[in-house]
Amino acid sequence: MLRDGSDPGLSSRSRNDLKGPAGVVAQGPSTRQLRVAEEVRRTLADIFARTEFRDPDLLDVRITVTEVRVSPDFGHATVFVTRLGRSDVEEVLPALKRVSPFLRSGLAKVLRLRSVPEIHFQPDTALDNAMELDQLFRSPEVSRDLED
């Protein structure tokens, strides 16, 4: 570390590339954010595994919670979900939004937080993206280029 707090391994241009619009170096989530996000993920996964929902759109639907991101103020949690064995998770997002107050109360019973974050559901497309990339790499045109 230099006296100005910068990393000697980074050029001034590289340091400036890390700065956001306000001129502050962008940071990832804090350790507490990561810990709370993992607890929320684990608790929601347990609720989805044990609960029979009354919502007709969620009957016999298996939801997998793949990731949770908590906002810096812990007021919001973005929950990335996928359906087990299917890629049409967008169909159940409105139903998940309808049951989010129930899920939030379930979180409140388990987690020791001053306030439980609001839950926002997003489809997790990472697996779909990985499958598309795999197909692309297996295509004859690309595999020929990779062999050279």
Protein backbone atom coordinates (compact mmCIF):
# COMPACT_ATOMS: atom_id res chain seq x y z
CA MET A 1 0.00 0.00 0.00
CA LEU A 2 1.16 3.47 -0.82
CA ARG A 3 0.68 6.47 1.48
CA ASP A 4 -2.38 7.55 -0.46
CA GLY A 5 -3.97 4.16 0.23
CA SER A 6 -3.58 2.90 -3.32
CA ASP A 7 -2.22 -0.44 -4.40
CA PRO A 8 1.26 -0.18 -5.95
CA GLY A 9 0.41 -3.06 -8.28
CA LEU A 10 -2.25 -0.99 -10.05
CA SER A 11 -1.49 1.83 -12.42
CA SER A 12 -3.33 5.10 -11.89
CA ARG A 13 -5.41 4.28 -14.96
CA SER A 14 -6.39 0.90 -13.48
CA ARG A 15 -7.30 2.54 -10.17
CA ASN A 16 -9.50 5.05 -11.99
CA ASP A 17 -11.23 2.22 -13.86
CA LEU A 18 -12.38 0.81 -10.50
CA LYS A 19 -14.02 4.07 -9.46
CA GLY A 20 -17.74 4.52 -9.82
CA PRO A 21 -19.59 7.65 -10.93
CA ALA A 22 -19.03 9.40 -7.60
CA GLY A 23 -15.27 8.81 -7.80
CA VAL A 24 -15.36 6.15 -5.08
CA VAL A 25 -13.81 2.73 -5.61
CA ALA A 26 -16.62 0.21 -6.01
CA GLN A 27 -16.71 -2.46 -3.33
CA GLY A 28 -18.42 -5.82 -3.21
CA PRO A 29 -20.86 -6.88 -0.53
CA SER A 30 -19.76 -6.77 3.08
CA THR A 31 -19.16 -9.90 5.12
CA ARG A 32 -22.39 -9.26 7.01
CA GLN A 33 -24.35 -8.89 3.76
CA LEU A 34 -22.96 -12.21 2.55
CA ARG A 35 -23.76 -13.91 5.86
CA VAL A 36 -27.34 -12.58 5.95
CA ALA A 37 -27.85 -13.48 2.28
CA GLU A 38 -26.74 -17.06 2.92
CA GLU A 39 -29.05 -17.35 5.94
CA VAL A 40 -31.97 -16.01 3.88
CA ARG A 41 -31.15 -18.48 1.07
CA ARG A 42 -30.94 -21.43 3.45
CA THR A 43 -34.15 -20.50 5.26
CA LEU A 44 -36.13 -19.91 2.06
CA ALA A 45 -34.89 -23.22 0.62
CA ASP A 46 -36.09 -24.95 3.79
CA ILE A 47 -39.48 -23.21 3.59
CA PHE A 48 -39.89 -24.21 -0.07
CA ALA A 49 -38.97 -27.81 0.76
CA ARG A 50 -41.39 -28.15 3.69
CA THR A 51 -44.38 -26.02 2.76
CA GLU A 52 -47.44 -26.89 0.72
CA PHE A 53 -48.59 -23.58 -0.70
CA ARG A 54 -52.29 -22.83 -1.12
CA ASP A 55 -51.67 -20.80 -4.25
CA PRO A 56 -52.82 -22.93 -7.22
CA ASP A 57 -49.89 -21.74 -9.34
CA LEU A 58 -47.46 -23.19 -6.79
CA LEU A 59 -49.08 -26.59 -6.31
CA ASP A 60 -46.62 -29.39 -7.11
CA VAL A 61 -43.95 -26.86 -8.13
CA ARG A 62 -40.40 -27.41 -6.90
CA ILE A 63 -38.53 -24.12 -6.46
CA THR A 64 -34.77 -24.02 -6.00
CA VAL A 65 -33.20 -20.93 -4.44
CA THR A 66 -29.82 -20.56 -6.11
CA GLU A 67 -28.61 -17.21 -4.78
CA VAL A 68 -29.67 -14.29 -2.60
CA ARG A 69 -28.26 -10.78 -2.74
CA VAL A 70 -29.01 -8.40 0.12
CA SER A 71 -28.91 -4.62 -0.32
CA PRO A 72 -26.37 -2.65 1.77
CA ASP A 73 -29.15 -1.33 4.02
CA PHE A 74 -30.59 -4.87 4.45
CA GLY A 75 -33.99 -3.58 3.34
CA HIS A 76 -34.25 -5.67 0.17
CA ALA A 77 -33.24 -9.18 -0.82
CA THR A 78 -33.11 -10.28 -4.44
CA VAL A 79 -33.77 -14.01 -4.56
CA PHE A 80 -32.68 -15.90 -7.67
CA VAL A 81 -34.84 -18.97 -8.24
CA THR A 82 -35.21 -21.77 -10.74
CA ARG A 83 -37.70 -24.59 -11.16
CA LEU A 84 -36.32 -28.03 -10.64
CA GLY A 85 -35.98 -29.72 -14.02
CA ARG A 86 -37.69 -26.93 -15.98
CA SER A 87 -36.69 -23.57 -17.38
CA ASP A 88 -40.08 -21.82 -17.27
CA VAL A 89 -39.58 -20.13 -13.90
CA GLU A 90 -41.06 -16.87 -15.25
CA GLU A 91 -44.51 -18.47 -15.04
CA VAL A 92 -44.32 -18.82 -11.26
CA LEU A 93 -42.78 -15.41 -10.48
CA PRO A 94 -46.20 -13.72 -10.01
CA ALA A 95 -47.22 -16.51 -7.62
CA LEU A 96 -43.98 -16.12 -5.69
CA LYS A 97 -44.66 -12.41 -5.41
CA ARG A 98 -48.11 -13.19 -3.99
CA VAL A 99 -46.68 -15.49 -1.29
CA SER A 100 -43.74 -13.22 -0.43
CA PRO A 101 -45.46 -11.81 2.72
CA PHE A 102 -45.86 -15.40 3.98
CA LEU A 103 -42.21 -16.14 3.15
CA ARG A 104 -41.10 -12.94 4.83
CA SER A 105 -42.96 -13.88 8.02
CA GLY A 106 -41.27 -17.29 7.87
CA LEU A 107 -37.91 -15.54 7.65
CA ALA A 108 -38.82 -13.33 10.62
CA LYS A 109 -39.49 -16.40 12.76
CA VAL A 110 -36.05 -17.88 12.05
CA LEU A 111 -33.66 -15.00 11.47
CA ARG A 112 -32.52 -12.65 14.21
CA LEU A 113 -32.66 -9.38 12.33
CA ARG A 114 -33.97 -5.99 13.34
CA SER A 115 -36.11 -5.97 10.21
CA VAL A 116 -36.59 -8.67 7.60
CA PRO A 117 -35.77 -7.55 4.05
CA GLU A 118 -38.45 -7.31 1.38
CA ILE A 119 -38.17 -10.21 -1.01
CA HIS A 120 -37.86 -9.70 -4.76
CA PHE A 121 -37.73 -12.77 -7.00
CA GLN A 122 -35.67 -13.00 -10.19
CA PRO A 123 -35.21 -16.00 -12.49
CA ASP A 124 -31.75 -17.55 -12.37
CA THR A 125 -30.57 -17.90 -15.95
CA ALA A 126 -27.02 -19.06 -15.19
CA LEU A 127 -27.76 -22.71 -16.04
CA ASP A 128 -29.48 -21.75 -19.30
CA ASN A 129 -26.52 -19.54 -20.22
CA ALA A 130 -24.07 -22.34 -19.43
CA MET A 131 -26.02 -24.78 -21.61
CA GLU A 132 -26.03 -22.29 -24.51
CA LEU A 133 -22.27 -21.82 -24.18
CA ASP A 134 -21.76 -25.58 -24.08
CA GLN A 135 -23.78 -25.99 -27.28
CA LEU A 136 -21.80 -23.19 -28.89
CA PHE A 137 -18.47 -24.80 -27.99
CA ARG A 138 -19.67 -28.13 -29.37
CA SER A 139 -20.73 -26.65 -32.72
CA PRO A 140 -18.49 -27.75 -35.64
CA GLU A 141 -17.37 -24.20 -36.49
CA VAL A 142 -16.18 -23.38 -32.98
CA SER A 143 -14.71 -26.79 -32.17
CA ARG A 144 -12.65 -26.59 -35.37
CA ASP A 145 -11.25 -23.22 -34.23
CA LEU A 146 -10.50 -24.55 -30.77
CA GLU A 147 -8.47 -27.46 -32.17
CA ASP A 148 -6.09 -25.14 -34.05
